[in-house]
């Protein structure tokens, strides 16, 4: 599929980036963390667990839907990269040009940021960043005003996209495609989730019209992510792209894990108590790290990813289930002990 997007797709951005002061490049290397997968899913999980009704009428439905949206975005990236199979800019290849003034403690970090393998189109960071921050702005619809939320989302998404060009791991066309793809995924995934603000999803319920998050069901979006990831795995296998097969497998596991986890949640649960959330974050984080660290074993990677996502999505239901087993530890008791 290589001929569909040119390997030489730059539009002169490399010359502009090379003229930037080194300190600017280092700053953008830090900005790019705002759309690292670990950061985005950590942010989404924390919002999902802790958001209250000051942010959305149904914060658990809103949060799970945002997770499903970003899962769809990464599935679309996996399919796009396997399909187009074009390389990154030469600047993403070693050796890294590390500024001599950078402290030794930060040199390794900087090198890890500016060197990247795998395919380049579309940009995963630009896609994931656009999808995540736009989804957060739309589902947590009680925070600020709509205009302010969208402005903040746009600024962060644009900064992330620019950072990928500045550190020379993507061409401009890669991040432009990523931003457009991320925005499109948000619209499509929210439509599947039943957002009444979108055409064809108008609800006859007055409460749904004024509180759209109350109508959201993330299950269809999670399942779509699994299906798209399965297609990405097939394309990657046909092209012999082993790394993309693993990424697609993680997408399948994340989509299915999210759908299974949501089946265990009623959708109206209160915020997760801190004493439950902290150990859960440690366990799910360890599973997530293990999934990537053991990527050579596809079975282990998929199992760890599925377990982590099921745990993240199902966690809000845990206090109530504990209360059913131990009446002295009902959901209210857990919450009151952590206010």
C-alpha atoms as a PDB file:
ATOM      1  CA  UNK A   1       0.000   0.000   0.000  1.00  0.00           C
ATOM      2  CA  UNK A   2       3.083   2.225   0.074  1.00  0.00           C
ATOM      3  CA  UNK A   3       2.329   4.194  -3.098  1.00  0.00           C
ATOM      4  CA  UNK A   4      -0.800   5.866  -1.716  1.00  0.00           C
ATOM      5  CA  UNK A   5       1.197   8.325   0.439  1.00  0.00           C
ATOM      6  CA  UNK A   6       4.653   9.434  -0.632  1.00  0.00           C
ATOM      7  CA  UNK A   7       7.664   8.691   1.543  1.00  0.00           C
ATOM      8  CA  UNK A   8       8.944  12.170   0.534  1.00  0.00           C
ATOM      9  CA  UNK A   9       5.951  14.170   1.708  1.00  0.00           C
ATOM     10  CA  UNK A  10       7.609  17.143   3.351  1.00  0.00           C
ATOM     11  CA  UNK A  11       6.525  20.688   2.441  1.00  0.00           C
ATOM     12  CA  UNK A  12       9.594  22.529   3.618  1.00  0.00           C
ATOM     13  CA  UNK A  13       8.964  22.200   7.343  1.00  0.00           C
ATOM     14  CA  UNK A  14      12.353  20.601   8.005  1.00  0.00           C
ATOM     15  CA  UNK A  15      14.216  23.771   7.044  1.00  0.00           C
ATOM     16  CA  UNK A  16      12.005  25.838   9.341  1.00  0.00           C
ATOM     17  CA  UNK A  17      12.489  23.460  12.250  1.00  0.00           C
ATOM     18  CA  UNK A  18      16.261  23.382  11.786  1.00  0.00           C
ATOM     19  CA  UNK A  19      16.309  27.157  12.218  1.00  0.00           C
ATOM     20  CA  UNK A  20      14.605  27.033  15.636  1.00  0.00           C
ATOM     21  CA  UNK A  21      16.667  27.584  18.811  1.00  0.00           C
ATOM     22  CA  UNK A  22      17.559  24.349  20.582  1.00  0.00           C
ATOM     23  CA  UNK A  23      15.689  25.406  23.712  1.00  0.00           C
ATOM     24  CA  UNK A  24      12.455  25.609  21.713  1.00  0.00           C
ATOM     25  CA  UNK A  25      12.944  22.092  20.409  1.00  0.00           C
ATOM     26  CA  UNK A  26      13.572  20.813  23.948  1.00  0.00           C
ATOM     27  CA  UNK A  27      10.388  22.489  25.174  1.00  0.00           C
ATOM     28  CA  UNK A  28       8.366  20.882  22.392  1.00  0.00           C
ATOM     29  CA  UNK A  29       9.936  17.526  23.257  1.00  0.00           C
ATOM     30  CA  UNK A  30       8.281  17.934  26.659  1.00  0.00           C
ATOM     31  CA  UNK A  31       4.963  19.079  25.158  1.00  0.00           C
ATOM     32  CA  UNK A  32       4.708  15.875  23.139  1.00  0.00           C
ATOM     33  CA  UNK A  33       4.180  13.939  26.389  1.00  0.00           C
ATOM     34  CA  UNK A  34       0.683  15.438  26.534  1.00  0.00           C
ATOM     35  CA  UNK A  35      -0.393  12.867  23.940  1.00  0.00           C
ATOM     36  CA  UNK A  36       1.729   9.891  24.950  1.00  0.00           C
ATOM     37  CA  UNK A  37      -0.626   6.882  25.192  1.00  0.00           C
ATOM     38  CA  UNK A  38       0.285   6.278  28.850  1.00  0.00           C
ATOM     39  CA  UNK A  39      -0.478   9.911  29.693  1.00  0.00           C
ATOM     40  CA  UNK A  40      -3.768  10.065  27.791  1.00  0.00           C
ATOM     41  CA  UNK A  41      -5.151   6.816  29.162  1.00  0.00           C
ATOM     42  CA  UNK A  42      -3.984   7.758  32.658  1.00  0.00           C
ATOM     43  CA  UNK A  43      -5.706  11.136  32.346  1.00  0.00           C
ATOM     44  CA  UNK A  44      -8.877   9.545  30.996  1.00  0.00           C
ATOM     45  CA  UNK A  45      -8.928   6.911  33.740  1.00  0.00           C
ATOM     46  CA  UNK A  46      -8.512   9.503  36.502  1.00  0.00           C
ATOM     47  CA  UNK A  47     -11.275  11.649  35.001  1.00  0.00           C
ATOM     48  CA  UNK A  48     -13.514   8.593  34.654  1.00  0.00           C
ATOM     49  CA  UNK A  49     -13.001   7.518  38.259  1.00  0.00           C
ATOM     50  CA  UNK A  50     -13.114  10.874  40.042  1.00  0.00           C
ATOM     51  CA  UNK A  51     -15.269  13.278  38.004  1.00  0.00           C
ATOM     52  CA  UNK A  52     -18.430  14.419  39.749  1.00  0.00           C
ATOM     53  CA  UNK A  53     -21.721  15.869  38.603  1.00  0.00           C
ATOM     54  CA  UNK A  54     -20.173  19.336  38.534  1.00  0.00           C
ATOM     55  CA  UNK A  55     -18.457  18.223  35.310  1.00  0.00           C
ATOM     56  CA  UNK A  56     -21.194  16.113  33.693  1.00  0.00           C
ATOM     57  CA  UNK A  57     -24.714  14.920  34.434  1.00  0.00           C
ATOM     58  CA  UNK A  58     -23.509  11.332  34.150  1.00  0.00           C
ATOM     59  CA  UNK A  59     -19.750  11.450  34.787  1.00  0.00           C
ATOM     60  CA  UNK A  60     -19.194   7.698  34.574  1.00  0.00           C
ATOM     61  CA  UNK A  61     -20.906   7.476  31.172  1.00  0.00           C
ATOM     62  CA  UNK A  62     -19.018  10.564  30.021  1.00  0.00           C
ATOM     63  CA  UNK A  63     -15.655   9.192  31.152  1.00  0.00           C
ATOM     64  CA  UNK A  64     -16.116   5.718  29.709  1.00  0.00           C
ATOM     65  CA  UNK A  65     -17.211   7.231  26.410  1.00  0.00           C
ATOM     66  CA  UNK A  66     -14.074   9.393  26.287  1.00  0.00           C
ATOM     67  CA  UNK A  67     -11.957   6.263  26.822  1.00  0.00           C
ATOM     68  CA  UNK A  68     -13.860   4.510  24.029  1.00  0.00           C
ATOM     69  CA  UNK A  69     -13.332   7.475  21.692  1.00  0.00           C
ATOM     70  CA  UNK A  70      -9.558   7.423  22.181  1.00  0.00           C
ATOM     71  CA  UNK A  71      -9.493   3.643  21.793  1.00  0.00           C
ATOM     72  CA  UNK A  72     -11.189   4.111  18.411  1.00  0.00           C
ATOM     73  CA  UNK A  73      -8.647   6.798  17.514  1.00  0.00           C
ATOM     74  CA  UNK A  74      -5.683   4.519  18.157  1.00  0.00           C
ATOM     75  CA  UNK A  75      -7.388   1.721  16.235  1.00  0.00           C
ATOM     76  CA  UNK A  76      -7.728   4.066  13.250  1.00  0.00           C
ATOM     77  CA  UNK A  77      -4.042   5.003  13.565  1.00  0.00           C
ATOM     78  CA  UNK A  78      -3.000   1.344  13.614  1.00  0.00           C
ATOM     79  CA  UNK A  79      -5.009   0.696  10.453  1.00  0.00           C
ATOM     80  CA  UNK A  80      -3.661   3.806   8.730  1.00  0.00           C
ATOM     81  CA  UNK A  81      -0.029   3.097   9.533  1.00  0.00           C
ATOM     82  CA  UNK A  82      -0.271  -0.528   8.408  1.00  0.00           C
ATOM     83  CA  UNK A  83      -2.151   0.472   5.245  1.00  0.00           C
ATOM     84  CA  UNK A  84       0.080   3.336   4.074  1.00  0.00           C
ATOM     85  CA  UNK A  85       3.353   1.946   5.496  1.00  0.00           C
ATOM     86  CA  UNK A  86       5.486   5.029   4.881  1.00  0.00           C
ATOM     87  CA  UNK A  87       8.599   5.928   6.904  1.00  0.00           C
ATOM     88  CA  UNK A  88       9.142   8.767   9.309  1.00  0.00           C
ATOM     89  CA  UNK A  89      11.394  11.742   8.487  1.00  0.00           C
ATOM     90  CA  UNK A  90      15.158  11.076   8.515  1.00  0.00           C
ATOM     91  CA  UNK A  91      15.392  13.142  11.718  1.00  0.00           C
ATOM     92  CA  UNK A  92      13.625  10.375  13.644  1.00  0.00           C
ATOM     93  CA  UNK A  93      16.482   7.975  12.940  1.00  0.00           C
ATOM     94  CA  UNK A  94      19.611   7.740  15.152  1.00  0.00           C
ATOM     95  CA  UNK A  95      21.905   9.263  16.102  1.00  0.00           C
ATOM     96  CA  UNK A  96      20.056  11.974  18.004  1.00  0.00           C
ATOM     97  CA  UNK A  97      21.371  15.533  17.938  1.00  0.00           C
ATOM     98  CA  UNK A  98      21.312  16.165  21.703  1.00  0.00           C
ATOM     99  CA  UNK A  99      22.035  19.776  22.771  1.00  0.00           C
ATOM    100  CA  UNK A 100      25.409  19.952  24.495  1.00  0.00           C
ATOM    101  CA  UNK A 101      24.029  22.208  27.243  1.00  0.00           C
ATOM    102  CA  UNK A 102      21.354  19.718  28.276  1.00  0.00           C
ATOM    103  CA  UNK A 103      22.159  18.091  31.649  1.00  0.00           C
ATOM    104  CA  UNK A 104      23.266  14.467  31.445  1.00  0.00           C
ATOM    105  CA  UNK A 105      20.199  13.458  33.448  1.00  0.00           C
ATOM    106  CA  UNK A 106      17.947  14.759  30.650  1.00  0.00           C
ATOM    107  CA  UNK A 107      20.009  13.614  27.678  1.00  0.00           C
ATOM    108  CA  UNK A 108      18.543  10.108  27.693  1.00  0.00           C
ATOM    109  CA  UNK A 109      15.027  11.474  27.992  1.00  0.00           C
ATOM    110  CA  UNK A 110      15.561  13.867  25.099  1.00  0.00           C
ATOM    111  CA  UNK A 111      17.048  11.164  22.906  1.00  0.00           C
ATOM    112  CA  UNK A 112      14.079   8.904  23.582  1.00  0.00           C
ATOM    113  CA  UNK A 113      11.737  11.727  22.586  1.00  0.00           C
ATOM    114  CA  UNK A 114      13.346  12.651  19.272  1.00  0.00           C
ATOM    115  CA  UNK A 115      14.068   9.124  18.035  1.00  0.00           C
ATOM    116  CA  UNK A 116      11.158   7.010  16.894  1.00  0.00           C
ATOM    117  CA  UNK A 117      10.710   3.910  14.755  1.00  0.00           C
ATOM    118  CA  UNK A 118       7.645   2.522  13.022  1.00  0.00           C
ATOM    119  CA  UNK A 119       5.611   4.132  10.300  1.00  0.00           C
ATOM    120  CA  UNK A 120       4.863   7.832  10.078  1.00  0.00           C
ATOM    121  CA  UNK A 121       1.410   8.376   8.565  1.00  0.00           C
ATOM    122  CA  UNK A 122      -0.848   9.344  10.237  1.00  0.00           C
ATOM    123  CA  UNK A 123       0.659  10.684  13.458  1.00  0.00           C
ATOM    124  CA  UNK A 124      -0.546   8.703  16.446  1.00  0.00           C
ATOM    125  CA  UNK A 125       0.163  11.547  18.859  1.00  0.00           C
ATOM    126  CA  UNK A 126      -1.720  14.088  16.740  1.00  0.00           C
ATOM    127  CA  UNK A 127      -4.660  11.711  16.316  1.00  0.00           C
ATOM    128  CA  UNK A 128      -4.792  10.639  19.946  1.00  0.00           C
ATOM    129  CA  UNK A 129      -4.314  14.173  21.248  1.00  0.00           C
ATOM    130  CA  UNK A 130      -7.039  15.641  19.050  1.00  0.00           C
ATOM    131  CA  UNK A 131      -9.449  12.819  19.913  1.00  0.00           C
ATOM    132  CA  UNK A 132      -8.759  12.853  23.654  1.00  0.00           C
ATOM    133  CA  UNK A 133      -8.918  16.581  24.308  1.00  0.00           C
ATOM    134  CA  UNK A 134     -11.879  17.174  22.021  1.00  0.00           C
ATOM    135  CA  UNK A 135     -13.745  14.256  23.592  1.00  0.00           C
ATOM    136  CA  UNK A 136     -13.039  15.591  27.095  1.00  0.00           C
ATOM    137  CA  UNK A 137     -14.287  19.018  26.041  1.00  0.00           C
ATOM    138  CA  UNK A 138     -17.528  17.554  24.717  1.00  0.00           C
ATOM    139  CA  UNK A 139     -18.442  14.938  27.324  1.00  0.00           C
ATOM    140  CA  UNK A 140     -17.624  16.977  30.436  1.00  0.00           C
ATOM    141  CA  UNK A 141     -20.114  19.589  29.348  1.00  0.00           C
ATOM    142  CA  UNK A 142     -20.677  21.289  32.693  1.00  0.00           C
ATOM    143  CA  UNK A 143     -17.102  22.566  33.033  1.00  0.00           C
ATOM    144  CA  UNK A 144     -16.547  26.202  32.000  1.00  0.00           C
ATOM    145  CA  UNK A 145     -18.415  27.184  28.845  1.00  0.00           C
ATOM    146  CA  UNK A 146     -18.496  25.223  25.609  1.00  0.00           C
ATOM    147  CA  UNK A 147     -16.346  27.812  23.853  1.00  0.00           C
ATOM    148  CA  UNK A 148     -13.660  27.757  26.540  1.00  0.00           C
ATOM    149  CA  UNK A 149     -13.527  23.966  26.601  1.00  0.00           C
ATOM    150  CA  UNK A 150     -13.163  23.745  22.832  1.00  0.00           C
ATOM    151  CA  UNK A 151     -10.542  26.492  22.792  1.00  0.00           C
ATOM    152  CA  UNK A 152      -8.478  24.721  25.459  1.00  0.00           C
ATOM    153  CA  UNK A 153      -8.800  21.402  23.610  1.00  0.00           C
ATOM    154  CA  UNK A 154      -7.763  23.007  20.341  1.00  0.00           C
ATOM    155  CA  UNK A 155      -4.719  24.713  21.858  1.00  0.00           C
ATOM    156  CA  UNK A 156      -3.426  21.507  23.460  1.00  0.00           C
ATOM    157  CA  UNK A 157      -4.104  19.399  20.349  1.00  0.00           C
ATOM    158  CA  UNK A 158      -2.362  21.960  18.128  1.00  0.00           C
ATOM    159  CA  UNK A 159       0.617  22.165  20.482  1.00  0.00           C
ATOM    160  CA  UNK A 160       1.001  18.386  20.462  1.00  0.00           C
ATOM    161  CA  UNK A 161       0.728  18.227  16.672  1.00  0.00           C
ATOM    162  CA  UNK A 162       3.314  20.988  16.287  1.00  0.00           C
ATOM    163  CA  UNK A 163       5.644  19.244  18.726  1.00  0.00           C
ATOM    164  CA  UNK A 164       5.798  16.150  16.534  1.00  0.00           C
ATOM    165  CA  UNK A 165       6.974  18.263  13.596  1.00  0.00           C
ATOM    166  CA  UNK A 166       9.398  20.330  15.681  1.00  0.00           C
ATOM    167  CA  UNK A 167      11.181  17.261  17.063  1.00  0.00           C
ATOM    168  CA  UNK A 168      11.230  15.861  13.502  1.00  0.00           C
ATOM    169  CA  UNK A 169       9.484  12.545  14.065  1.00  0.00           C
ATOM    170  CA  UNK A 170       6.655  13.487  11.673  1.00  0.00           C
ATOM    171  CA  UNK A 171       6.043  15.589   8.600  1.00  0.00           C
ATOM    172  CA  UNK A 172       3.403  18.313   8.633  1.00  0.00           C
ATOM    173  CA  UNK A 173       1.050  16.225   6.501  1.00  0.00           C
ATOM    174  CA  UNK A 174       1.259  13.401   9.082  1.00  0.00           C
ATOM    175  CA  UNK A 175       0.024  15.589  11.924  1.00  0.00           C
ATOM    176  CA  UNK A 176      -2.559  17.367   9.776  1.00  0.00           C
ATOM    177  CA  UNK A 177      -4.024  14.005   8.826  1.00  0.00           C
ATOM    178  CA  UNK A 178      -3.867  12.961  12.465  1.00  0.00           C
ATOM    179  CA  UNK A 179      -5.770  15.994  13.741  1.00  0.00           C
ATOM    180  CA  UNK A 180      -8.454  15.575  11.076  1.00  0.00           C
ATOM    181  CA  UNK A 181      -8.678  11.846  11.762  1.00  0.00           C
ATOM    182  CA  UNK A 182      -8.929  12.422  15.500  1.00  0.00           C
ATOM    183  CA  UNK A 183     -11.717  14.960  15.068  1.00  0.00           C
ATOM    184  CA  UNK A 184     -13.606  12.652  12.741  1.00  0.00           C
ATOM    185  CA  UNK A 185     -13.266   9.742  15.144  1.00  0.00           C
ATOM    186  CA  UNK A 186     -14.731  11.847  17.962  1.00  0.00           C
ATOM    187  CA  UNK A 187     -17.824  12.634  15.908  1.00  0.00           C
ATOM    188  CA  UNK A 188     -18.250   9.031  14.751  1.00  0.00           C
ATOM    189  CA  UNK A 189     -17.673   7.474  18.162  1.00  0.00           C
ATOM    190  CA  UNK A 190     -19.998   9.908  19.939  1.00  0.00           C
ATOM    191  CA  UNK A 191     -22.662   9.188  17.338  1.00  0.00           C
ATOM    192  CA  UNK A 192     -22.296   5.467  18.020  1.00  0.00           C
ATOM    193  CA  UNK A 193     -22.466   6.152  21.758  1.00  0.00           C
ATOM    194  CA  UNK A 194     -25.844   7.841  21.219  1.00  0.00           C
ATOM    195  CA  UNK A 195     -24.948  11.484  21.799  1.00  0.00           C
ATOM    196  CA  UNK A 196     -28.265  13.331  21.224  1.00  0.00           C
ATOM    197  CA  UNK A 197     -26.422  16.464  20.078  1.00  0.00           C
ATOM    198  CA  UNK A 198     -25.499  14.769  16.791  1.00  0.00           C
ATOM    199  CA  UNK A 199     -27.765  14.423  13.740  1.00  0.00           C
ATOM    200  CA  UNK A 200     -29.759  11.216  13.730  1.00  0.00           C
ATOM    201  CA  UNK A 201     -29.378  10.818  17.497  1.00  0.00           C
ATOM    202  CA  UNK A 202     -32.024  13.290  18.635  1.00  0.00           C
ATOM    203  CA  UNK A 203     -33.815  11.958  21.685  1.00  0.00           C
ATOM    204  CA  UNK A 204     -37.462  12.532  22.519  1.00  0.00           C
ATOM    205  CA  UNK A 205     -36.466  12.790  26.176  1.00  0.00           C
ATOM    206  CA  UNK A 206     -36.201  16.371  27.427  1.00  0.00           C
ATOM    207  CA  UNK A 207     -33.524  15.346  29.948  1.00  0.00           C
ATOM    208  CA  UNK A 208     -31.341  13.897  27.169  1.00  0.00           C
ATOM    209  CA  UNK A 209     -31.559  17.144  25.246  1.00  0.00           C
ATOM    210  CA  UNK A 210     -30.369  19.204  28.224  1.00  0.00           C
ATOM    211  CA  UNK A 211     -28.016  16.591  29.739  1.00  0.00           C
ATOM    212  CA  UNK A 212     -26.582  14.664  26.762  1.00  0.00           C
ATOM    213  CA  UNK A 213     -24.126  12.551  28.747  1.00  0.00           C
ATOM    214  CA  UNK A 214     -27.029  10.752  30.440  1.00  0.00           C
ATOM    215  CA  UNK A 215     -27.790   9.061  27.105  1.00  0.00           C
ATOM    216  CA  UNK A 216     -24.269   7.834  26.347  1.00  0.00           C
ATOM    217  CA  UNK A 217     -23.414   4.147  25.970  1.00  0.00           C
ATOM    218  CA  UNK A 218     -19.725   3.536  25.149  1.00  0.00           C
ATOM    219  CA  UNK A 219     -20.178  -0.142  24.235  1.00  0.00           C
ATOM    220  CA  UNK A 220     -20.664   0.338  20.447  1.00  0.00           C
ATOM    221  CA  UNK A 221     -17.572   2.554  20.256  1.00  0.00           C
ATOM    222  CA  UNK A 222     -15.464   0.026  22.178  1.00  0.00           C
ATOM    223  CA  UNK A 223     -16.614  -2.739  19.839  1.00  0.00           C
ATOM    224  CA  UNK A 224     -15.901  -0.594  16.774  1.00  0.00           C
ATOM    225  CA  UNK A 225     -12.356  -0.084  18.048  1.00  0.00           C
ATOM    226  CA  UNK A 226     -11.924  -3.845  18.343  1.00  0.00           C
ATOM    227  CA  UNK A 227     -13.224  -4.404  14.795  1.00  0.00           C
ATOM    228  CA  UNK A 228     -11.004  -1.689  13.280  1.00  0.00           C
ATOM    229  CA  UNK A 229      -8.016  -3.050  15.195  1.00  0.00           C
ATOM    230  CA  UNK A 230      -8.771  -6.518  13.853  1.00  0.00           C
ATOM    231  CA  UNK A 231      -8.728  -5.088  10.328  1.00  0.00           C
ATOM    232  CA  UNK A 232      -5.427  -3.355  11.132  1.00  0.00           C
ATOM    233  CA  UNK A 233      -3.953  -6.646  12.311  1.00  0.00           C
ATOM    234  CA  UNK A 234      -4.984  -8.290   9.053  1.00  0.00           C
ATOM    235  CA  UNK A 235      -3.411  -5.540   6.950  1.00  0.00           C
ATOM    236  CA  UNK A 236      -0.255  -5.602   9.059  1.00  0.00           C
ATOM    237  CA  UNK A 237       0.039  -9.375   8.782  1.00  0.00           C
ATOM    238  CA  UNK A 238      -0.424  -9.222   5.014  1.00  0.00           C
ATOM    239  CA  UNK A 239       2.347  -6.628   4.786  1.00  0.00           C
ATOM    240  CA  UNK A 240       4.666  -8.405   7.189  1.00  0.00           C
ATOM    241  CA  UNK A 241       4.666  -5.489   9.649  1.00  0.00           C
ATOM    242  CA  UNK A 242       5.217  -7.265  12.972  1.00  0.00           C
ATOM    243  CA  UNK A 243       5.263  -4.165  15.132  1.00  0.00           C
ATOM    244  CA  UNK A 244       1.932  -2.978  13.780  1.00  0.00           C
ATOM    245  CA  UNK A 245       0.422  -6.417  14.442  1.00  0.00           C
ATOM    246  CA  UNK A 246       1.235  -6.007  18.139  1.00  0.00           C
ATOM    247  CA  UNK A 247      -0.231  -2.487  18.225  1.00  0.00           C
ATOM    248  CA  UNK A 248      -3.380  -3.748  16.530  1.00  0.00           C
ATOM    249  CA  UNK A 249      -3.601  -6.617  18.996  1.00  0.00           C
ATOM    250  CA  UNK A 250      -3.464  -4.163  21.875  1.00  0.00           C
ATOM    251  CA  UNK A 251      -6.287  -2.242  20.196  1.00  0.00           C
ATOM    252  CA  UNK A 252      -8.397  -5.405  19.965  1.00  0.00           C
ATOM    253  CA  UNK A 253      -7.783  -6.157  23.634  1.00  0.00           C
ATOM    254  CA  UNK A 254      -8.540  -2.585  24.693  1.00  0.00           C
ATOM    255  CA  UNK A 255     -11.801  -2.475  22.731  1.00  0.00           C
ATOM    256  CA  UNK A 256     -13.037  -5.832  24.005  1.00  0.00           C
ATOM    257  CA  UNK A 257     -11.831  -5.122  27.540  1.00  0.00           C
ATOM    258  CA  UNK A 258     -13.680  -1.811  27.576  1.00  0.00           C
ATOM    259  CA  UNK A 259     -16.904  -3.419  26.361  1.00  0.00           C
ATOM    260  CA  UNK A 260     -16.675  -6.196  28.972  1.00  0.00           C
ATOM    261  CA  UNK A 261     -15.803  -3.769  31.761  1.00  0.00           C
ATOM    262  CA  UNK A 262     -18.741  -1.517  30.947  1.00  0.00           C
ATOM    263  CA  UNK A 263     -21.110  -4.497  31.220  1.00  0.00           C
ATOM    264  CA  UNK A 264     -20.221  -4.586  34.925  1.00  0.00           C
ATOM    265  CA  UNK A 265     -21.081  -0.916  35.481  1.00  0.00           C
ATOM    266  CA  UNK A 266     -24.547   0.562  35.922  1.00  0.00           C
ATOM    267  CA  UNK A 267     -23.416   4.011  34.775  1.00  0.00           C
ATOM    268  CA  UNK A 268     -24.739   5.981  37.737  1.00  0.00           C
ATOM    269  CA  UNK A 269     -22.003   5.128  40.258  1.00  0.00           C
ATOM    270  CA  UNK A 270     -20.416   7.855  42.417  1.00  0.00           C
ATOM    271  CA  UNK A 271     -16.733   8.748  42.241  1.00  0.00           C
ATOM    272  CA  UNK A 272     -14.311   5.964  43.107  1.00  0.00           C
ATOM    273  CA  UNK A 273     -12.975   6.283  46.683  1.00  0.00           C
ATOM    274  CA  UNK A 274      -9.273   7.133  46.867  1.00  0.00           C
ATOM    275  CA  UNK A 275      -8.458   4.060  48.977  1.00  0.00           C
ATOM    276  CA  UNK A 276      -9.683   1.893  46.125  1.00  0.00           C
ATOM    277  CA  UNK A 277      -8.404   4.007  43.243  1.00  0.00           C
ATOM    278  CA  UNK A 278      -4.766   4.249  44.377  1.00  0.00           C
ATOM    279  CA  UNK A 279      -4.018   0.504  44.511  1.00  0.00           C
ATOM    280  CA  UNK A 280      -6.126  -0.016  41.386  1.00  0.00           C
ATOM    281  CA  UNK A 281      -4.030   2.551  39.532  1.00  0.00           C
ATOM    282  CA  UNK A 282      -0.849   0.767  40.609  1.00  0.00           C
ATOM    283  CA  UNK A 283      -2.140  -2.631  39.497  1.00  0.00           C
ATOM    284  CA  UNK A 284      -3.573  -1.508  36.172  1.00  0.00           C
ATOM    285  CA  UNK A 285      -0.480   0.597  35.480  1.00  0.00           C
ATOM    286  CA  UNK A 286       1.750  -2.418  36.107  1.00  0.00           C
ATOM    287  CA  UNK A 287      -0.383  -4.516  33.769  1.00  0.00           C
ATOM    288  CA  UNK A 288      -0.182  -1.826  31.086  1.00  0.00           C
ATOM    289  CA  UNK A 289       3.601  -1.511  31.383  1.00  0.00           C
ATOM    290  CA  UNK A 290       3.900  -5.272  31.329  1.00  0.00           C
ATOM    291  CA  UNK A 291       1.797  -5.464  28.176  1.00  0.00           C
ATOM    292  CA  UNK A 292       4.307  -3.298  26.308  1.00  0.00           C
ATOM    293  CA  UNK A 293       7.411  -4.722  27.993  1.00  0.00           C
ATOM    294  CA  UNK A 294       6.389  -8.258  27.021  1.00  0.00           C
ATOM    295  CA  UNK A 295       5.328  -7.342  23.494  1.00  0.00           C
ATOM    296  CA  UNK A 296       7.337 -10.292  22.144  1.00  0.00           C
ATOM    297  CA  UNK A 297       4.695 -12.562  23.659  1.00  0.00           C
ATOM    298  CA  UNK A 298       1.449 -11.622  21.963  1.00  0.00           C
ATOM    299  CA  UNK A 299      -0.671 -13.809  24.253  1.00  0.00           C
ATOM    300  CA  UNK A 300       0.762 -12.227  27.408  1.00  0.00           C
ATOM    301  CA  UNK A 301       0.416  -8.729  25.954  1.00  0.00           C
ATOM    302  CA  UNK A 302      -3.210  -9.205  24.977  1.00  0.00           C
ATOM    303  CA  UNK A 303      -4.097 -10.850  28.292  1.00  0.00           C
ATOM    304  CA  UNK A 304      -2.458  -8.099  30.351  1.00  0.00           C
ATOM    305  CA  UNK A 305      -4.067  -5.356  28.268  1.00  0.00           C
ATOM    306  CA  UNK A 306      -7.525  -6.897  28.484  1.00  0.00           C
ATOM    307  CA  UNK A 307      -7.247  -7.359  32.255  1.00  0.00           C
ATOM    308  CA  UNK A 308      -6.034  -3.770  32.742  1.00  0.00           C
ATOM    309  CA  UNK A 309      -8.846  -2.238  30.682  1.00  0.00           C
ATOM    310  CA  UNK A 310     -11.572  -4.378  32.260  1.00  0.00           C
ATOM    311  CA  UNK A 311     -10.292  -3.336  35.689  1.00  0.00           C
ATOM    312  CA  UNK A 312     -10.167   0.376  34.792  1.00  0.00           C
ATOM    313  CA  UNK A 313     -13.665   0.468  33.330  1.00  0.00           C
ATOM    314  CA  UNK A 314     -15.314  -1.786  35.928  1.00  0.00           C
ATOM    315  CA  UNK A 315     -13.711  -0.130  38.970  1.00  0.00           C
ATOM    316  CA  UNK A 316     -16.581   2.318  39.758  1.00  0.00           C
ATOM    317  CA  UNK A 317     -18.814  -0.710  40.427  1.00  0.00           C
ATOM    318  CA  UNK A 318     -16.400  -2.218  42.966  1.00  0.00           C
ATOM    319  CA  UNK A 319     -17.474  -0.272  46.097  1.00  0.00           C
ATOM    320  CA  UNK A 320     -21.102  -1.331  45.629  1.00  0.00           C
ATOM    321  CA  UNK A 321     -20.056  -4.943  45.094  1.00  0.00           C
ATOM    322  CA  UNK A 322     -17.924  -4.812  48.223  1.00  0.00           C
ATOM    323  CA  UNK A 323     -20.945  -3.425  50.061  1.00  0.00           C
ATOM    324  CA  UNK A 324     -23.029  -6.397  48.888  1.00  0.00           C
ATOM    325  CA  UNK A 325     -20.468  -8.764  50.393  1.00  0.00           C
ATOM    326  CA  UNK A 326     -19.651  -6.655  53.473  1.00  0.00           C
ATOM    327  CA  UNK A 327     -22.600  -4.445  54.516  1.00  0.00           C
ATOM    328  CA  UNK A 328     -20.316  -2.513  56.866  1.00  0.00           C
ATOM    329  CA  UNK A 329     -18.382  -1.388  53.770  1.00  0.00           C
ATOM    330  CA  UNK A 330     -21.192  -0.143  51.543  1.00  0.00           C
ATOM    331  CA  UNK A 331     -20.593   2.410  48.790  1.00  0.00           C
ATOM    332  CA  UNK A 332     -21.545   5.306  51.057  1.00  0.00           C
ATOM    333  CA  UNK A 333     -19.190   4.141  53.771  1.00  0.00           C
ATOM    334  CA  UNK A 334     -16.292   3.955  51.357  1.00  0.00           C
ATOM    335  CA  UNK A 335     -17.016   7.422  50.039  1.00  0.00           C
ATOM    336  CA  UNK A 336     -17.584   9.037  53.416  1.00  0.00           C
ATOM    337  CA  UNK A 337     -14.298   7.721  54.669  1.00  0.00           C
ATOM    338  CA  UNK A 338     -12.461   9.505  51.914  1.00  0.00           C
ATOM    339  CA  UNK A 339     -14.083  12.956  51.862  1.00  0.00           C
END
